[in-house]
Amino acid sequence: MKDLRIGRRGKSYVIQDHSNNRKQLGSKFKYFKDAKLALKKLTLLSYLKKDLDLDKICEDMKKKYLMKRLMLSVNS
């Protein structure tokens, strides 16, 4: 997890690990700013912690996305 980049997939953005055959981390982001913010958080985590569990990070990001989506649907 040394080479993280933001890539475009269709109309959305994703974070890819180019050192691990472009494995996608987390879910898709609608805006580039959101993807950039998530990438900053991941790089900060990688500096603090040398060994990251990619599956756990993906699950955490999915949970946050689902909670955000649920809150938006409740408020509407």
C-alpha atoms as a PDB file:
ATOM      1  CA  MET A   1       0.000   0.000   0.000  1.00  0.00           C
ATOM      2  CA  LYS A   2       2.674   2.410  -1.042  1.00  0.00           C
ATOM      3  CA  ASP A   3       1.248   3.772  -4.272  1.00  0.00           C
ATOM      4  CA  LEU A   4      -2.296   5.029  -3.700  1.00  0.00           C
ATOM      5  CA  ARG A   5      -3.913   7.049  -6.465  1.00  0.00           C
ATOM      6  CA  ILE A   6      -7.310   8.431  -7.306  1.00  0.00           C
ATOM      7  CA  GLY A   7      -8.763   7.004 -10.491  1.00  0.00           C
ATOM      8  CA  ARG A   8     -11.908   7.670 -12.426  1.00  0.00           C
ATOM      9  CA  ARG A   9     -14.526   4.973 -13.038  1.00  0.00           C
ATOM     10  CA  GLY A  10     -17.376   6.165 -15.164  1.00  0.00           C
ATOM     11  CA  LYS A  11     -18.779   9.267 -13.486  1.00  0.00           C
ATOM     12  CA  SER A  12     -17.280   8.497 -10.066  1.00  0.00           C
ATOM     13  CA  TYR A  13     -13.844   8.393  -8.440  1.00  0.00           C
ATOM     14  CA  VAL A  14     -12.122   5.539  -6.597  1.00  0.00           C
ATOM     15  CA  ILE A  15      -8.916   5.080  -4.628  1.00  0.00           C
ATOM     16  CA  GLN A  16      -6.666   2.423  -6.134  1.00  0.00           C
ATOM     17  CA  ASP A  17      -3.550   0.747  -4.786  1.00  0.00           C
ATOM     18  CA  HIS A  18      -1.247   0.614  -7.821  1.00  0.00           C
ATOM     19  CA  SER A  19       1.389  -1.380  -5.951  1.00  0.00           C
ATOM     20  CA  ASN A  20      -1.203  -4.135  -5.460  1.00  0.00           C
ATOM     21  CA  ASN A  21      -2.464  -4.515  -9.059  1.00  0.00           C
ATOM     22  CA  ARG A  22      -4.827  -1.534  -8.831  1.00  0.00           C
ATOM     23  CA  LYS A  23      -6.966  -3.022  -6.083  1.00  0.00           C
ATOM     24  CA  GLN A  24      -9.811  -0.666  -5.209  1.00  0.00           C
ATOM     25  CA  LEU A  25      -9.973   0.558  -1.630  1.00  0.00           C
ATOM     26  CA  GLY A  26     -13.366   1.426  -0.214  1.00  0.00           C
ATOM     27  CA  SER A  27     -16.370   2.506  -2.197  1.00  0.00           C
ATOM     28  CA  LYS A  28     -16.849   4.974  -5.027  1.00  0.00           C
ATOM     29  CA  PHE A  29     -16.954   8.716  -4.467  1.00  0.00           C
ATOM     30  CA  LYS A  30     -19.161  11.066  -6.427  1.00  0.00           C
ATOM     31  CA  TYR A  31     -16.820  14.037  -6.109  1.00  0.00           C
ATOM     32  CA  PHE A  32     -13.060  14.314  -6.500  1.00  0.00           C
ATOM     33  CA  LYS A  33     -12.791  16.342  -3.267  1.00  0.00           C
ATOM     34  CA  ASP A  34     -14.332  13.478  -1.267  1.00  0.00           C
ATOM     35  CA  ALA A  35     -11.902  10.989  -2.780  1.00  0.00           C
ATOM     36  CA  LYS A  36      -8.973  13.296  -2.083  1.00  0.00           C
ATOM     37  CA  LEU A  37     -10.031  13.698   1.562  1.00  0.00           C
ATOM     38  CA  ALA A  38     -10.339   9.913   1.992  1.00  0.00           C
ATOM     39  CA  LEU A  39      -6.927   9.445   0.365  1.00  0.00           C
ATOM     40  CA  LYS A  40      -5.398  11.907   2.846  1.00  0.00           C
ATOM     41  CA  LYS A  41      -6.938   9.970   5.733  1.00  0.00           C
ATOM     42  CA  LEU A  42      -5.588   6.681   4.366  1.00  0.00           C
ATOM     43  CA  THR A  43      -2.091   8.068   3.916  1.00  0.00           C
ATOM     44  CA  LEU A  44      -2.180   9.482   7.450  1.00  0.00           C
ATOM     45  CA  LEU A  45      -3.185   6.054   8.738  1.00  0.00           C
ATOM     46  CA  SER A  46      -0.412   4.406   6.768  1.00  0.00           C
ATOM     47  CA  TYR A  47       2.167   6.711   8.349  1.00  0.00           C
ATOM     48  CA  LEU A  48       0.838   6.032  11.829  1.00  0.00           C
ATOM     49  CA  LYS A  49       0.450   2.304  11.307  1.00  0.00           C
ATOM     50  CA  LYS A  50       2.791   0.382   9.049  1.00  0.00           C
ATOM     51  CA  ASP A  51       0.615  -2.712   8.511  1.00  0.00           C
ATOM     52  CA  LEU A  52      -2.920  -1.892   7.442  1.00  0.00           C
ATOM     53  CA  ASP A  53      -5.689  -4.422   7.052  1.00  0.00           C
ATOM     54  CA  LEU A  54      -7.222  -3.460   3.710  1.00  0.00           C
ATOM     55  CA  ASP A  55     -10.364  -5.540   4.240  1.00  0.00           C
ATOM     56  CA  LYS A  56     -11.105  -3.801   7.541  1.00  0.00           C
ATOM     57  CA  ILE A  57     -10.638  -0.376   5.968  1.00  0.00           C
ATOM     58  CA  CYS A  58     -12.992  -1.298   3.133  1.00  0.00           C
ATOM     59  CA  GLU A  59     -15.626  -2.498   5.612  1.00  0.00           C
ATOM     60  CA  ASP A  60     -15.309   0.683   7.699  1.00  0.00           C
ATOM     61  CA  MET A  61     -15.695   2.889   4.631  1.00  0.00           C
ATOM     62  CA  LYS A  62     -18.749   0.906   3.504  1.00  0.00           C
ATOM     63  CA  LYS A  63     -20.343   1.295   6.942  1.00  0.00           C
ATOM     64  CA  LYS A  64     -19.760   5.054   6.946  1.00  0.00           C
ATOM     65  CA  TYR A  65     -21.180   5.346   3.437  1.00  0.00           C
ATOM     66  CA  LEU A  66     -24.278   3.342   4.326  1.00  0.00           C
ATOM     67  CA  MET A  67     -24.870   5.343   7.514  1.00  0.00           C
ATOM     68  CA  LYS A  68     -24.532   8.611   5.592  1.00  0.00           C
ATOM     69  CA  ARG A  69     -26.942   7.338   2.941  1.00  0.00           C
ATOM     70  CA  LEU A  70     -29.414   6.190   5.600  1.00  0.00           C
ATOM     71  CA  MET A  71     -29.293   9.580   7.341  1.00  0.00           C
ATOM     72  CA  LEU A  72     -29.929  11.381   4.048  1.00  0.00           C
ATOM     73  CA  SER A  73     -32.931   9.198   3.258  1.00  0.00           C
ATOM     74  CA  VAL A  74     -34.398   9.718   6.753  1.00  0.00           C
ATOM     75  CA  ASN A  75     -34.011  13.502   6.573  1.00  0.00           C
ATOM     76  CA  SER A  76     -35.679  13.704   3.143  1.00  0.00           C
END
